[in-house]
Amino acid sequence: MTRSDGATGTRGRGLVGLSGRFIKGLIKARFAPAALSKAWNEFVQDAGKEAVHHRRRARLTLRLLIDFLRAALGCGLNGQGGAGEAAPLLEAMARRADAEKITSLLERCLEADFQIERNVQTGLVLEALVDAFAQRLGG
């Protein structure tokens, strides 16, 4: 059953499932930006026909990504791994990107959030964001 905020879904397609797949894709040495962008856009489009639902779902996933990047930044600066099952992902991201890169990615995520809030086409914003990640991380 799917809640109105898109937090759960069938076959691992919920918000948590997507964010986990997306983050695992980012920490790979060579990630596939086209595949990540397609999966993210499909997840957003599954929210319904109305653009307001697409924007809401896109912003939810962005918030999770921003939270992950903030935690990875803290992990990299403090030299301490995170707690729980996210610790290996945080440590991997901190190894992959230094503090400057993670800060740049955070800024780009916040810019994407602003664009979505201003009703820029969600699909284009997400594709541009994934492309920016690929450029900054060398994916």
Protein backbone atom coordinates (compact mmCIF):
# COMPACT_ATOMS: atom_id res chain seq x y z
CA MET A 1 0.00 0.00 0.00
CA THR A 2 1.30 3.45 -0.86
CA ARG A 3 0.98 6.40 1.47
CA SER A 4 0.27 9.83 0.03
CA ASP A 5 3.84 10.98 0.72
CA GLY A 6 5.32 8.11 -1.25
CA ALA A 7 7.25 6.75 1.71
CA THR A 8 6.30 3.16 1.01
CA GLY A 9 5.66 1.18 -2.10
CA THR A 10 5.60 -2.26 -3.63
CA ARG A 11 8.64 -4.29 -4.67
CA GLY A 12 11.15 -1.98 -2.95
CA ARG A 13 10.06 1.01 -5.00
CA GLY A 14 9.26 3.14 -1.98
CA LEU A 15 11.12 6.26 -0.98
CA VAL A 16 13.53 4.38 1.25
CA GLY A 17 14.14 1.74 -1.42
CA LEU A 18 14.87 4.31 -4.08
CA SER A 19 17.12 6.40 -1.87
CA GLY A 20 19.08 3.30 -0.88
CA ARG A 21 19.57 2.23 -4.50
CA PHE A 22 20.47 5.78 -5.50
CA ILE A 23 23.04 6.23 -2.74
CA LYS A 24 24.57 2.80 -3.40
CA GLY A 25 24.80 3.81 -7.06
CA LEU A 26 26.59 7.05 -6.17
CA ILE A 27 29.31 5.44 -4.10
CA LYS A 28 30.33 3.03 -6.87
CA ALA A 29 33.60 3.87 -8.57
CA ARG A 30 31.78 4.21 -11.91
CA PHE A 31 28.09 4.83 -11.60
CA ALA A 32 25.59 4.98 -14.43
CA PRO A 33 24.03 8.47 -14.40
CA ALA A 34 21.47 7.59 -17.08
CA ALA A 35 20.18 4.59 -15.13
CA LEU A 36 20.03 6.53 -11.85
CA SER A 37 18.26 9.43 -13.50
CA LYS A 38 15.75 7.11 -15.17
CA ALA A 39 14.98 5.27 -11.91
CA TRP A 40 14.56 8.55 -10.02
CA ASN A 41 12.30 10.04 -12.69
CA GLU A 42 10.17 6.89 -12.86
CA PHE A 43 9.77 6.94 -9.10
CA VAL A 44 8.69 10.58 -9.21
CA GLN A 45 6.28 9.96 -12.10
CA ASP A 46 4.67 7.07 -10.17
CA ALA A 47 3.29 9.63 -7.71
CA GLY A 48 0.37 10.37 -10.03
CA LYS A 49 -0.58 12.53 -12.98
CA GLU A 50 -0.43 15.91 -11.26
CA ALA A 51 2.82 17.87 -11.24
CA VAL A 52 2.28 18.84 -7.61
CA HIS A 53 2.63 15.17 -6.63
CA HIS A 54 5.78 14.84 -8.72
CA ARG A 55 7.31 17.89 -7.04
CA ARG A 56 6.42 16.63 -3.57
CA ARG A 57 7.97 13.22 -4.19
CA ALA A 58 11.08 14.71 -5.81
CA ARG A 59 11.58 17.06 -2.87
CA LEU A 60 11.22 14.18 -0.40
CA THR A 61 13.95 12.21 -2.16
CA LEU A 62 16.13 15.31 -2.33
CA ARG A 63 15.78 15.80 1.42
CA LEU A 64 16.96 12.24 2.04
CA LEU A 65 19.90 12.79 -0.29
CA ILE A 66 20.76 16.08 1.43
CA ASP A 67 20.61 14.39 4.85
CA PHE A 68 22.90 11.63 3.59
CA LEU A 69 25.41 14.13 2.16
CA ARG A 70 25.40 16.14 5.41
CA ALA A 71 26.08 12.97 7.39
CA ALA A 72 28.85 11.95 4.94
CA LEU A 73 30.39 15.40 5.28
CA GLY A 74 30.40 15.02 9.05
CA CYS A 75 31.86 11.55 8.71
CA GLY A 76 34.65 12.84 6.48
CA LEU A 77 35.46 15.86 8.65
CA ASN A 78 35.26 14.09 12.00
CA GLY A 79 36.84 10.88 10.82
CA GLN A 80 34.13 8.94 12.58
CA GLY A 81 31.78 6.56 10.84
CA GLY A 82 28.06 6.89 11.19
CA ALA A 83 25.93 4.62 13.30
CA GLY A 84 23.68 1.83 12.18
CA GLU A 85 23.34 0.27 8.77
CA ALA A 86 24.14 3.55 6.98
CA ALA A 87 27.69 3.65 8.39
CA PRO A 88 29.35 1.77 5.49
CA LEU A 89 27.60 4.01 2.95
CA LEU A 90 28.64 7.18 4.78
CA GLU A 91 32.23 6.01 5.06
CA ALA A 92 32.31 5.03 1.39
CA MET A 93 31.00 8.45 0.34
CA ALA A 94 33.50 10.20 2.60
CA ARG A 95 36.30 8.20 0.97
CA ARG A 96 35.00 8.88 -2.53
CA ALA A 97 34.63 12.65 -2.17
CA ASP A 98 36.45 15.13 0.00
CA ALA A 99 34.68 17.81 2.03
CA GLU A 100 34.84 20.35 -0.80
CA LYS A 101 33.15 17.99 -3.27
CA ILE A 102 30.47 16.97 -0.80
CA THR A 103 29.78 20.63 -0.04
CA SER A 104 29.50 21.30 -3.76
CA LEU A 105 27.04 18.40 -4.10
CA LEU A 106 25.00 19.74 -1.19
CA GLU A 107 24.83 23.17 -2.82
CA ARG A 108 23.69 21.59 -6.08
CA CYS A 109 20.98 19.61 -4.27
CA LEU A 110 19.72 22.76 -2.58
CA GLU A 111 19.67 24.52 -5.94
CA ALA A 112 17.63 21.64 -7.41
CA ASP A 113 15.21 21.84 -4.49
CA PHE A 114 14.77 25.55 -5.13
CA GLN A 115 14.15 24.92 -8.83
CA ILE A 116 11.52 22.28 -8.09
CA GLU A 117 9.85 24.63 -5.61
CA ARG A 118 9.74 27.27 -8.38
CA ASN A 119 7.91 24.82 -10.70
CA VAL A 120 10.75 24.06 -13.08
CA GLN A 121 10.00 20.76 -14.85
CA THR A 122 10.88 18.07 -12.32
CA GLY A 123 12.33 15.59 -14.80
CA LEU A 124 14.78 18.14 -16.18
CA VAL A 125 15.87 19.24 -12.72
CA LEU A 126 16.56 15.67 -11.60
CA GLU A 127 18.43 14.79 -14.79
CA ALA A 128 20.59 17.89 -14.43
CA LEU A 129 21.26 17.06 -10.79
CA VAL A 130 22.37 13.51 -11.58
CA ASP A 131 24.56 14.88 -14.38
CA ALA A 132 26.13 17.33 -11.93
CA PHE A 133 26.84 14.43 -9.55
CA ALA A 134 28.49 12.51 -12.39
CA GLN A 135 30.68 15.48 -13.29
CA ARG A 136 31.72 16.19 -9.71
CA LEU A 137 32.29 12.56 -8.75
CA GLY A 138 33.77 11.52 -12.07
CA GLY A 139 31.03 8.96 -12.67
